């Protein structure tokens, strides 16, 4: 299928194709055409607007000129027996990495990105986190946005997928009822977020420079981004020290951190099942006793 995509887009054959890891969602390949190298990913059953939303998110990030983001070459919708696809510039990962230098560079670039502020919270279009829809209806109130556009849709999906027992749903509902109190002092002003920042969604480029990709972009509380990076690891202590130096965090982050991790935990519960259920329950117990 990759041959058909390349032929359709470039009107010639690829000189070399190397299949690479596309994560758990897409198929992907490194493709050379007319002396240039591209990253191509495709999905046969992609939801409507899937790659279009990713391309828009990449452009939003790239236009800030704060951190390296791959350029979008072409977005293709599923038609004429071709799957939906996305073609990006190929970013070459560095072979030698100085962990401290990269951590500082990455933290400073991310802090710059987070200083890009919007008029409120959300985005002018919806997108996806992983394969799941992510709604971004804009709001002037962060707590309302986090409840209505982040937690509630995932809770509803978990119920539909039979991943909420009675006690878990009761706890989540109680937590939502107390969200104003639990998030007191958060989110002023909004920050542009990558939205799905874990160790699989960045690269180290030459000169220990960072690049980010696979976004779930929106304007939100930057603490959400930091909490997400701490959830699954892969970011050394030097990264957080450099970030705090470049853009100090507000008081109360540690108190809010687990609550902000609830969103990606619910996403993973819906994607991968009960293996994440205990962590969802632990967050609820932390805040509800």
C-alpha atoms as a PDB file:
ATOM      1  CA  UNK A   1       0.000   0.000   0.000  1.00  0.00           C
ATOM      2  CA  UNK A   2       2.865   2.406   0.732  1.00  0.00           C
ATOM      3  CA  UNK A   3       3.938   2.068  -2.911  1.00  0.00           C
ATOM      4  CA  UNK A   4       0.494   3.187  -4.056  1.00  0.00           C
ATOM      5  CA  UNK A   5       0.543   6.199  -1.721  1.00  0.00           C
ATOM      6  CA  UNK A   6       3.974   7.312  -2.948  1.00  0.00           C
ATOM      7  CA  UNK A   7       3.011   6.854  -6.582  1.00  0.00           C
ATOM      8  CA  UNK A   8      -0.195   8.842  -6.073  1.00  0.00           C
ATOM      9  CA  UNK A   9       1.511  11.745  -4.267  1.00  0.00           C
ATOM     10  CA  UNK A  10       4.837  12.009  -6.081  1.00  0.00           C
ATOM     11  CA  UNK A  11       3.961  10.471  -9.458  1.00  0.00           C
ATOM     12  CA  UNK A  12       7.014   8.239  -9.203  1.00  0.00           C
ATOM     13  CA  UNK A  13       8.256   5.241  -7.245  1.00  0.00           C
ATOM     14  CA  UNK A  14      10.211   5.422  -4.004  1.00  0.00           C
ATOM     15  CA  UNK A  15      13.923   4.671  -4.276  1.00  0.00           C
ATOM     16  CA  UNK A  16      13.911   3.132  -0.791  1.00  0.00           C
ATOM     17  CA  UNK A  17      11.287   2.176   1.779  1.00  0.00           C
ATOM     18  CA  UNK A  18      12.046   1.129   5.349  1.00  0.00           C
ATOM     19  CA  UNK A  19       9.162   0.187   7.610  1.00  0.00           C
ATOM     20  CA  UNK A  20       9.414   1.759  11.049  1.00  0.00           C
ATOM     21  CA  UNK A  21       7.488   1.711  14.300  1.00  0.00           C
ATOM     22  CA  UNK A  22       4.226   3.613  13.921  1.00  0.00           C
ATOM     23  CA  UNK A  23       3.090   2.987  17.482  1.00  0.00           C
ATOM     24  CA  UNK A  24      -0.005   0.964  18.317  1.00  0.00           C
ATOM     25  CA  UNK A  25      -2.264   2.937  15.971  1.00  0.00           C
ATOM     26  CA  UNK A  26      -0.701   3.413  12.536  1.00  0.00           C
ATOM     27  CA  UNK A  27       1.580   1.749  10.052  1.00  0.00           C
ATOM     28  CA  UNK A  28       4.625   3.826   9.147  1.00  0.00           C
ATOM     29  CA  UNK A  29       7.685   3.931   6.897  1.00  0.00           C
ATOM     30  CA  UNK A  30      10.790   5.957   6.084  1.00  0.00           C
ATOM     31  CA  UNK A  31      10.590   6.712   2.378  1.00  0.00           C
ATOM     32  CA  UNK A  32      13.145   8.164  -0.024  1.00  0.00           C
ATOM     33  CA  UNK A  33      11.878   9.868  -3.173  1.00  0.00           C
ATOM     34  CA  UNK A  34      14.015  11.870  -5.609  1.00  0.00           C
ATOM     35  CA  UNK A  35      16.793  12.233  -3.052  1.00  0.00           C
ATOM     36  CA  UNK A  36      14.523  13.453  -0.235  1.00  0.00           C
ATOM     37  CA  UNK A  37      13.447  11.501   2.825  1.00  0.00           C
ATOM     38  CA  UNK A  38       9.935  11.484   4.289  1.00  0.00           C
ATOM     39  CA  UNK A  39       8.029   9.892   7.139  1.00  0.00           C
ATOM     40  CA  UNK A  40       4.768   8.338   5.974  1.00  0.00           C
ATOM     41  CA  UNK A  41       2.083   6.860   8.164  1.00  0.00           C
ATOM     42  CA  UNK A  42      -1.262   5.444   7.181  1.00  0.00           C
ATOM     43  CA  UNK A  43      -4.294   3.772   8.689  1.00  0.00           C
ATOM     44  CA  UNK A  44      -6.960   1.753   6.908  1.00  0.00           C
ATOM     45  CA  UNK A  45      -9.744   2.428   9.430  1.00  0.00           C
ATOM     46  CA  UNK A  46      -8.800   5.973  10.452  1.00  0.00           C
ATOM     47  CA  UNK A  47     -11.707   7.974  11.898  1.00  0.00           C
ATOM     48  CA  UNK A  48     -12.945  10.838   9.776  1.00  0.00           C
ATOM     49  CA  UNK A  49     -10.589  13.798  10.037  1.00  0.00           C
ATOM     50  CA  UNK A  50      -7.949  11.825  11.937  1.00  0.00           C
ATOM     51  CA  UNK A  51      -4.824  12.846  10.044  1.00  0.00           C
ATOM     52  CA  UNK A  52      -6.251  16.246   9.122  1.00  0.00           C
ATOM     53  CA  UNK A  53      -6.510  17.061  12.837  1.00  0.00           C
ATOM     54  CA  UNK A  54      -2.955  15.904  13.440  1.00  0.00           C
ATOM     55  CA  UNK A  55      -1.678  18.035  10.569  1.00  0.00           C
ATOM     56  CA  UNK A  56      -3.489  21.100  11.932  1.00  0.00           C
ATOM     57  CA  UNK A  57      -2.026  20.486  15.372  1.00  0.00           C
ATOM     58  CA  UNK A  58       1.484  20.169  13.995  1.00  0.00           C
ATOM     59  CA  UNK A  59       1.063  23.453  12.126  1.00  0.00           C
ATOM     60  CA  UNK A  60      -0.191  25.214  15.256  1.00  0.00           C
ATOM     61  CA  UNK A  61       2.910  24.062  17.133  1.00  0.00           C
ATOM     62  CA  UNK A  62       5.292  24.729  14.248  1.00  0.00           C
ATOM     63  CA  UNK A  63       4.009  28.268  13.745  1.00  0.00           C
ATOM     64  CA  UNK A  64       5.114  29.230  17.272  1.00  0.00           C
ATOM     65  CA  UNK A  65       8.792  28.843  16.269  1.00  0.00           C
ATOM     66  CA  UNK A  66       9.549  27.655  19.788  1.00  0.00           C
ATOM     67  CA  UNK A  67      10.464  24.013  19.214  1.00  0.00           C
ATOM     68  CA  UNK A  68      11.203  21.812  16.202  1.00  0.00           C
ATOM     69  CA  UNK A  69       8.111  20.199  14.687  1.00  0.00           C
ATOM     70  CA  UNK A  70       8.077  18.176  11.448  1.00  0.00           C
ATOM     71  CA  UNK A  71       6.670  19.959   8.415  1.00  0.00           C
ATOM     72  CA  UNK A  72       3.487  18.521   6.939  1.00  0.00           C
ATOM     73  CA  UNK A  73       3.992  17.522   3.299  1.00  0.00           C
ATOM     74  CA  UNK A  74       0.611  15.993   2.454  1.00  0.00           C
ATOM     75  CA  UNK A  75      -2.550  14.739   4.133  1.00  0.00           C
ATOM     76  CA  UNK A  76      -4.580  12.136   2.292  1.00  0.00           C
ATOM     77  CA  UNK A  77      -8.119  10.958   2.959  1.00  0.00           C
ATOM     78  CA  UNK A  78      -9.229   7.384   2.333  1.00  0.00           C
ATOM     79  CA  UNK A  79     -10.390   7.078  -1.279  1.00  0.00           C
ATOM     80  CA  UNK A  80      -9.862   5.030  -4.431  1.00  0.00           C
ATOM     81  CA  UNK A  81      -8.651   2.053  -2.362  1.00  0.00           C
ATOM     82  CA  UNK A  82      -5.998   4.195  -0.646  1.00  0.00           C
ATOM     83  CA  UNK A  83      -6.059   4.461   3.159  1.00  0.00           C
ATOM     84  CA  UNK A  84      -5.911   7.790   4.981  1.00  0.00           C
ATOM     85  CA  UNK A  85      -2.290   8.913   5.335  1.00  0.00           C
ATOM     86  CA  UNK A  86       0.027  11.654   6.502  1.00  0.00           C
ATOM     87  CA  UNK A  87       3.401  12.532   4.972  1.00  0.00           C
ATOM     88  CA  UNK A  88       5.882  14.516   7.067  1.00  0.00           C
ATOM     89  CA  UNK A  89       9.459  15.636   6.658  1.00  0.00           C
ATOM     90  CA  UNK A  90      11.869  13.068   8.051  1.00  0.00           C
ATOM     91  CA  UNK A  91      13.672  14.183  11.202  1.00  0.00           C
ATOM     92  CA  UNK A  92      16.930  12.328  11.778  1.00  0.00           C
ATOM     93  CA  UNK A  93      17.458  11.171  15.333  1.00  0.00           C
ATOM     94  CA  UNK A  94      20.906  11.921  16.768  1.00  0.00           C
ATOM     95  CA  UNK A  95      23.193   8.995  17.466  1.00  0.00           C
ATOM     96  CA  UNK A  96      25.053  10.660  20.328  1.00  0.00           C
ATOM     97  CA  UNK A  97      23.058  12.386  23.042  1.00  0.00           C
ATOM     98  CA  UNK A  98      24.261  14.420  25.983  1.00  0.00           C
ATOM     99  CA  UNK A  99      21.390  13.830  28.375  1.00  0.00           C
ATOM    100  CA  UNK A 100      21.949  16.935  30.490  1.00  0.00           C
ATOM    101  CA  UNK A 101      22.291  19.279  27.508  1.00  0.00           C
ATOM    102  CA  UNK A 102      19.237  17.801  25.815  1.00  0.00           C
ATOM    103  CA  UNK A 103      17.152  17.987  28.998  1.00  0.00           C
ATOM    104  CA  UNK A 104      17.947  21.672  29.420  1.00  0.00           C
ATOM    105  CA  UNK A 105      17.296  22.449  25.749  1.00  0.00           C
ATOM    106  CA  UNK A 106      14.013  20.547  25.775  1.00  0.00           C
ATOM    107  CA  UNK A 107      12.809  22.156  29.008  1.00  0.00           C
ATOM    108  CA  UNK A 108      13.583  25.670  27.798  1.00  0.00           C
ATOM    109  CA  UNK A 109      11.869  25.066  24.449  1.00  0.00           C
ATOM    110  CA  UNK A 110       8.797  23.613  26.142  1.00  0.00           C
ATOM    111  CA  UNK A 111       8.667  26.585  28.507  1.00  0.00           C
ATOM    112  CA  UNK A 112       8.718  28.882  25.463  1.00  0.00           C
ATOM    113  CA  UNK A 113       5.853  26.935  23.919  1.00  0.00           C
ATOM    114  CA  UNK A 114       3.870  27.221  27.149  1.00  0.00           C
ATOM    115  CA  UNK A 115       4.327  30.995  27.134  1.00  0.00           C
ATOM    116  CA  UNK A 116       2.207  31.079  23.975  1.00  0.00           C
ATOM    117  CA  UNK A 117      -1.159  31.947  25.434  1.00  0.00           C
ATOM    118  CA  UNK A 118      -4.658  31.925  24.011  1.00  0.00           C
ATOM    119  CA  UNK A 119      -7.720  33.984  24.823  1.00  0.00           C
ATOM    120  CA  UNK A 120      -9.185  31.044  26.748  1.00  0.00           C
ATOM    121  CA  UNK A 121      -9.037  27.273  27.014  1.00  0.00           C
ATOM    122  CA  UNK A 122      -9.625  24.771  24.233  1.00  0.00           C
ATOM    123  CA  UNK A 123      -9.097  25.139  20.491  1.00  0.00           C
ATOM    124  CA  UNK A 124     -10.982  26.202  17.379  1.00  0.00           C
ATOM    125  CA  UNK A 125     -11.302  22.573  16.274  1.00  0.00           C
ATOM    126  CA  UNK A 126     -11.573  19.123  17.829  1.00  0.00           C
ATOM    127  CA  UNK A 127      -8.855  16.516  17.459  1.00  0.00           C
ATOM    128  CA  UNK A 128      -7.756  13.157  18.861  1.00  0.00           C
ATOM    129  CA  UNK A 129      -5.689  11.776  21.700  1.00  0.00           C
ATOM    130  CA  UNK A 130      -4.374   8.484  20.436  1.00  0.00           C
ATOM    131  CA  UNK A 131      -7.308   7.106  18.489  1.00  0.00           C
ATOM    132  CA  UNK A 132      -9.926   8.608  20.826  1.00  0.00           C
ATOM    133  CA  UNK A 133     -11.818  11.815  19.969  1.00  0.00           C
ATOM    134  CA  UNK A 134     -10.801  14.874  21.983  1.00  0.00           C
ATOM    135  CA  UNK A 135     -13.308  17.725  22.077  1.00  0.00           C
ATOM    136  CA  UNK A 136     -11.983  21.260  22.480  1.00  0.00           C
ATOM    137  CA  UNK A 137     -15.050  23.480  22.881  1.00  0.00           C
ATOM    138  CA  UNK A 138     -13.580  26.774  23.992  1.00  0.00           C
ATOM    139  CA  UNK A 139     -14.225  28.164  27.449  1.00  0.00           C
ATOM    140  CA  UNK A 140     -13.090  31.123  29.518  1.00  0.00           C
ATOM    141  CA  UNK A 141     -13.138  28.917  32.629  1.00  0.00           C
ATOM    142  CA  UNK A 142     -10.409  26.304  33.049  1.00  0.00           C
ATOM    143  CA  UNK A 143     -12.239  24.143  35.601  1.00  0.00           C
ATOM    144  CA  UNK A 144     -15.306  23.970  33.375  1.00  0.00           C
ATOM    145  CA  UNK A 145     -13.150  23.055  30.374  1.00  0.00           C
ATOM    146  CA  UNK A 146     -11.231  20.356  32.227  1.00  0.00           C
ATOM    147  CA  UNK A 147     -14.448  18.856  33.563  1.00  0.00           C
ATOM    148  CA  UNK A 148     -16.621  19.122  30.417  1.00  0.00           C
ATOM    149  CA  UNK A 149     -14.069  18.584  27.626  1.00  0.00           C
ATOM    150  CA  UNK A 150     -11.605  16.261  29.302  1.00  0.00           C
ATOM    151  CA  UNK A 151     -12.940  14.188  32.195  1.00  0.00           C
ATOM    152  CA  UNK A 152     -16.642  13.846  31.360  1.00  0.00           C
ATOM    153  CA  UNK A 153     -16.171  12.508  27.785  1.00  0.00           C
ATOM    154  CA  UNK A 154     -13.719   9.873  29.002  1.00  0.00           C
ATOM    155  CA  UNK A 155     -15.991   8.878  31.875  1.00  0.00           C
ATOM    156  CA  UNK A 156     -18.907   8.526  29.448  1.00  0.00           C
ATOM    157  CA  UNK A 157     -16.774   6.408  27.123  1.00  0.00           C
ATOM    158  CA  UNK A 158     -15.594   4.226  30.008  1.00  0.00           C
ATOM    159  CA  UNK A 159     -19.206   3.629  30.973  1.00  0.00           C
ATOM    160  CA  UNK A 160     -20.077   2.694  27.392  1.00  0.00           C
ATOM    161  CA  UNK A 161     -17.146   0.255  27.314  1.00  0.00           C
ATOM    162  CA  UNK A 162     -18.108  -1.301  30.681  1.00  0.00           C
ATOM    163  CA  UNK A 163     -14.977  -0.061  32.401  1.00  0.00           C
ATOM    164  CA  UNK A 164     -16.699   1.665  35.301  1.00  0.00           C
ATOM    165  CA  UNK A 165     -17.881  -0.380  38.239  1.00  0.00           C
ATOM    166  CA  UNK A 166     -20.384   1.221  40.597  1.00  0.00           C
ATOM    167  CA  UNK A 167     -17.793   2.359  43.119  1.00  0.00           C
ATOM    168  CA  UNK A 168     -15.458   3.824  40.491  1.00  0.00           C
ATOM    169  CA  UNK A 169     -18.212   5.819  38.850  1.00  0.00           C
ATOM    170  CA  UNK A 170     -19.452   7.051  42.215  1.00  0.00           C
ATOM    171  CA  UNK A 171     -15.930   8.209  43.119  1.00  0.00           C
ATOM    172  CA  UNK A 172     -15.421   9.957  39.787  1.00  0.00           C
ATOM    173  CA  UNK A 173     -18.741  11.744  40.089  1.00  0.00           C
ATOM    174  CA  UNK A 174     -17.877  12.911  43.600  1.00  0.00           C
ATOM    175  CA  UNK A 175     -14.514  14.142  42.369  1.00  0.00           C
ATOM    176  CA  UNK A 176     -16.205  16.122  39.591  1.00  0.00           C
ATOM    177  CA  UNK A 177     -18.539  17.693  42.135  1.00  0.00           C
ATOM    178  CA  UNK A 178     -15.491  18.957  44.055  1.00  0.00           C
ATOM    179  CA  UNK A 179     -13.411  20.013  41.058  1.00  0.00           C
ATOM    180  CA  UNK A 180     -13.666  23.767  41.728  1.00  0.00           C
ATOM    181  CA  UNK A 181     -12.205  23.290  45.185  1.00  0.00           C
ATOM    182  CA  UNK A 182      -9.565  20.789  44.111  1.00  0.00           C
ATOM    183  CA  UNK A 183      -8.287  23.011  41.278  1.00  0.00           C
ATOM    184  CA  UNK A 184      -8.408  26.263  43.207  1.00  0.00           C
ATOM    185  CA  UNK A 185      -5.570  28.551  42.116  1.00  0.00           C
ATOM    186  CA  UNK A 186      -4.892  26.786  38.813  1.00  0.00           C
ATOM    187  CA  UNK A 187      -4.591  27.949  35.199  1.00  0.00           C
ATOM    188  CA  UNK A 188      -3.977  31.630  34.700  1.00  0.00           C
ATOM    189  CA  UNK A 189      -3.360  32.279  31.858  1.00  0.00           C
ATOM    190  CA  UNK A 190      -3.812  29.486  29.296  1.00  0.00           C
ATOM    191  CA  UNK A 191      -0.818  27.885  27.579  1.00  0.00           C
ATOM    192  CA  UNK A 192      -0.449  26.150  24.234  1.00  0.00           C
ATOM    193  CA  UNK A 193       0.059  22.455  24.989  1.00  0.00           C
ATOM    194  CA  UNK A 194       1.351  19.549  22.940  1.00  0.00           C
ATOM    195  CA  UNK A 195      -1.341  17.582  24.755  1.00  0.00           C
ATOM    196  CA  UNK A 196       0.122  14.057  24.566  1.00  0.00           C
ATOM    197  CA  UNK A 197       3.699  14.572  25.682  1.00  0.00           C
ATOM    198  CA  UNK A 198       5.328  11.319  26.727  1.00  0.00           C
ATOM    199  CA  UNK A 199       8.698   9.785  25.887  1.00  0.00           C
ATOM    200  CA  UNK A 200       7.426   8.249  22.640  1.00  0.00           C
ATOM    201  CA  UNK A 201       6.437  11.602  21.166  1.00  0.00           C
ATOM    202  CA  UNK A 202       9.758  13.425  21.049  1.00  0.00           C
ATOM    203  CA  UNK A 203      13.122  12.966  19.366  1.00  0.00           C
ATOM    204  CA  UNK A 204      16.667  14.114  20.055  1.00  0.00           C
ATOM    205  CA  UNK A 205      18.102  15.838  17.002  1.00  0.00           C
ATOM    206  CA  UNK A 206      21.671  16.866  16.235  1.00  0.00           C
ATOM    207  CA  UNK A 207      23.092  19.340  18.722  1.00  0.00           C
ATOM    208  CA  UNK A 208      20.937  17.898  21.508  1.00  0.00           C
ATOM    209  CA  UNK A 209      17.912  19.752  20.187  1.00  0.00           C
ATOM    210  CA  UNK A 210      14.348  18.484  20.772  1.00  0.00           C
ATOM    211  CA  UNK A 211      11.601  17.766  18.282  1.00  0.00           C
ATOM    212  CA  UNK A 212       7.991  16.897  19.119  1.00  0.00           C
ATOM    213  CA  UNK A 213       5.254  15.188  17.100  1.00  0.00           C
ATOM    214  CA  UNK A 214       1.958  13.224  17.431  1.00  0.00           C
ATOM    215  CA  UNK A 215       0.216  16.080  19.250  1.00  0.00           C
ATOM    216  CA  UNK A 216      -3.222  16.459  20.816  1.00  0.00           C
ATOM    217  CA  UNK A 217      -2.999  20.255  20.820  1.00  0.00           C
ATOM    218  CA  UNK A 218      -5.114  22.694  22.825  1.00  0.00           C
ATOM    219  CA  UNK A 219      -4.800  25.691  25.141  1.00  0.00           C
ATOM    220  CA  UNK A 220      -4.904  24.625  28.765  1.00  0.00           C
ATOM    221  CA  UNK A 221      -3.130  24.680  32.100  1.00  0.00           C
ATOM    222  CA  UNK A 222       0.557  23.973  31.495  1.00  0.00           C
ATOM    223  CA  UNK A 223       0.571  21.928  34.695  1.00  0.00           C
ATOM    224  CA  UNK A 224      -1.398  19.282  32.778  1.00  0.00           C
ATOM    225  CA  UNK A 225       1.521  18.904  30.376  1.00  0.00           C
ATOM    226  CA  UNK A 226       4.060  18.628  33.174  1.00  0.00           C
ATOM    227  CA  UNK A 227       1.887  16.129  35.056  1.00  0.00           C
ATOM    228  CA  UNK A 228       1.579  14.033  31.880  1.00  0.00           C
ATOM    229  CA  UNK A 229       5.374  13.901  31.464  1.00  0.00           C
ATOM    230  CA  UNK A 230       5.692  12.584  35.017  1.00  0.00           C
ATOM    231  CA  UNK A 231       3.056   9.883  34.577  1.00  0.00           C
ATOM    232  CA  UNK A 232       4.996   7.358  32.501  1.00  0.00           C
ATOM    233  CA  UNK A 233       8.590   8.548  33.028  1.00  0.00           C
ATOM    234  CA  UNK A 234      11.326   9.202  30.502  1.00  0.00           C
ATOM    235  CA  UNK A 235      12.088  12.779  31.581  1.00  0.00           C
ATOM    236  CA  UNK A 236      15.107  13.188  33.911  1.00  0.00           C
ATOM    237  CA  UNK A 237      15.252  15.436  36.967  1.00  0.00           C
ATOM    238  CA  UNK A 238      17.399  17.936  35.034  1.00  0.00           C
ATOM    239  CA  UNK A 239      14.481  18.516  32.645  1.00  0.00           C
ATOM    240  CA  UNK A 240      12.167  19.603  35.462  1.00  0.00           C
ATOM    241  CA  UNK A 241      14.810  21.747  37.130  1.00  0.00           C
ATOM    242  CA  UNK A 242      15.512  23.566  33.865  1.00  0.00           C
ATOM    243  CA  UNK A 243      11.807  24.027  33.167  1.00  0.00           C
ATOM    244  CA  UNK A 244      11.167  25.529  36.602  1.00  0.00           C
ATOM    245  CA  UNK A 245      14.096  27.870  36.119  1.00  0.00           C
ATOM    246  CA  UNK A 246      12.792  29.000  32.721  1.00  0.00           C
ATOM    247  CA  UNK A 247       9.119  29.225  33.731  1.00  0.00           C
ATOM    248  CA  UNK A 248       8.495  28.759  37.477  1.00  0.00           C
ATOM    249  CA  UNK A 249       5.405  26.767  38.405  1.00  0.00           C
ATOM    250  CA  UNK A 250       2.634  28.196  40.526  1.00  0.00           C
ATOM    251  CA  UNK A 251       2.200  27.084  44.105  1.00  0.00           C
ATOM    252  CA  UNK A 252       0.045  24.005  44.452  1.00  0.00           C
ATOM    253  CA  UNK A 253       1.288  22.036  41.444  1.00  0.00           C
ATOM    254  CA  UNK A 254       2.204  18.991  43.515  1.00  0.00           C
ATOM    255  CA  UNK A 255      -1.267  19.058  45.071  1.00  0.00           C
ATOM    256  CA  UNK A 256      -2.944  19.180  41.642  1.00  0.00           C
ATOM    257  CA  UNK A 257      -0.584  16.852  39.764  1.00  0.00           C
ATOM    258  CA  UNK A 258      -2.362  13.529  40.344  1.00  0.00           C
ATOM    259  CA  UNK A 259      -5.703  15.071  39.469  1.00  0.00           C
ATOM    260  CA  UNK A 260      -4.286  16.242  36.150  1.00  0.00           C
ATOM    261  CA  UNK A 261      -2.947  12.736  35.530  1.00  0.00           C
ATOM    262  CA  UNK A 262      -6.484  11.410  35.767  1.00  0.00           C
ATOM    263  CA  UNK A 263      -7.248  12.468  32.190  1.00  0.00           C
ATOM    264  CA  UNK A 264      -4.509  10.397  30.505  1.00  0.00           C
ATOM    265  CA  UNK A 265      -5.238   7.540  32.919  1.00  0.00           C
ATOM    266  CA  UNK A 266      -8.883   7.513  31.804  1.00  0.00           C
ATOM    267  CA  UNK A 267      -7.718   7.638  28.187  1.00  0.00           C
ATOM    268  CA  UNK A 268      -5.530   4.595  28.810  1.00  0.00           C
ATOM    269  CA  UNK A 269      -8.349   2.838  30.663  1.00  0.00           C
ATOM    270  CA  UNK A 270     -10.516   3.300  27.577  1.00  0.00           C
ATOM    271  CA  UNK A 271      -7.777   2.275  25.166  1.00  0.00           C
ATOM    272  CA  UNK A 272      -6.207  -0.638  27.036  1.00  0.00           C
ATOM    273  CA  UNK A 273      -8.653  -1.769  29.692  1.00  0.00           C
ATOM    274  CA  UNK A 274      -8.660  -2.598  33.377  1.00  0.00           C
ATOM    275  CA  UNK A 275      -4.873  -2.645  33.745  1.00  0.00           C
ATOM    276  CA  UNK A 276      -5.248   1.109  34.319  1.00  0.00           C
ATOM    277  CA  UNK A 277      -8.306   0.856  36.546  1.00  0.00           C
ATOM    278  CA  UNK A 278      -6.374   0.613  39.812  1.00  0.00           C
ATOM    279  CA  UNK A 279      -4.499   3.841  39.039  1.00  0.00           C
ATOM    280  CA  UNK A 280      -7.747   5.668  38.297  1.00  0.00           C
ATOM    281  CA  UNK A 281      -9.138   4.433  41.622  1.00  0.00           C
ATOM    282  CA  UNK A 282      -5.962   5.504  43.446  1.00  0.00           C
ATOM    283  CA  UNK A 283      -6.294   9.081  42.155  1.00  0.00           C
ATOM    284  CA  UNK A 284      -9.884   9.208  43.390  1.00  0.00           C
ATOM    285  CA  UNK A 285      -8.874   7.899  46.821  1.00  0.00           C
ATOM    286  CA  UNK A 286      -6.095  10.491  47.059  1.00  0.00           C
ATOM    287  CA  UNK A 287      -8.520  13.380  46.688  1.00  0.00           C
ATOM    288  CA  UNK A 288     -11.626  11.905  48.298  1.00  0.00           C
ATOM    289  CA  UNK A 289     -10.106   9.921  51.165  1.00  0.00           C
END
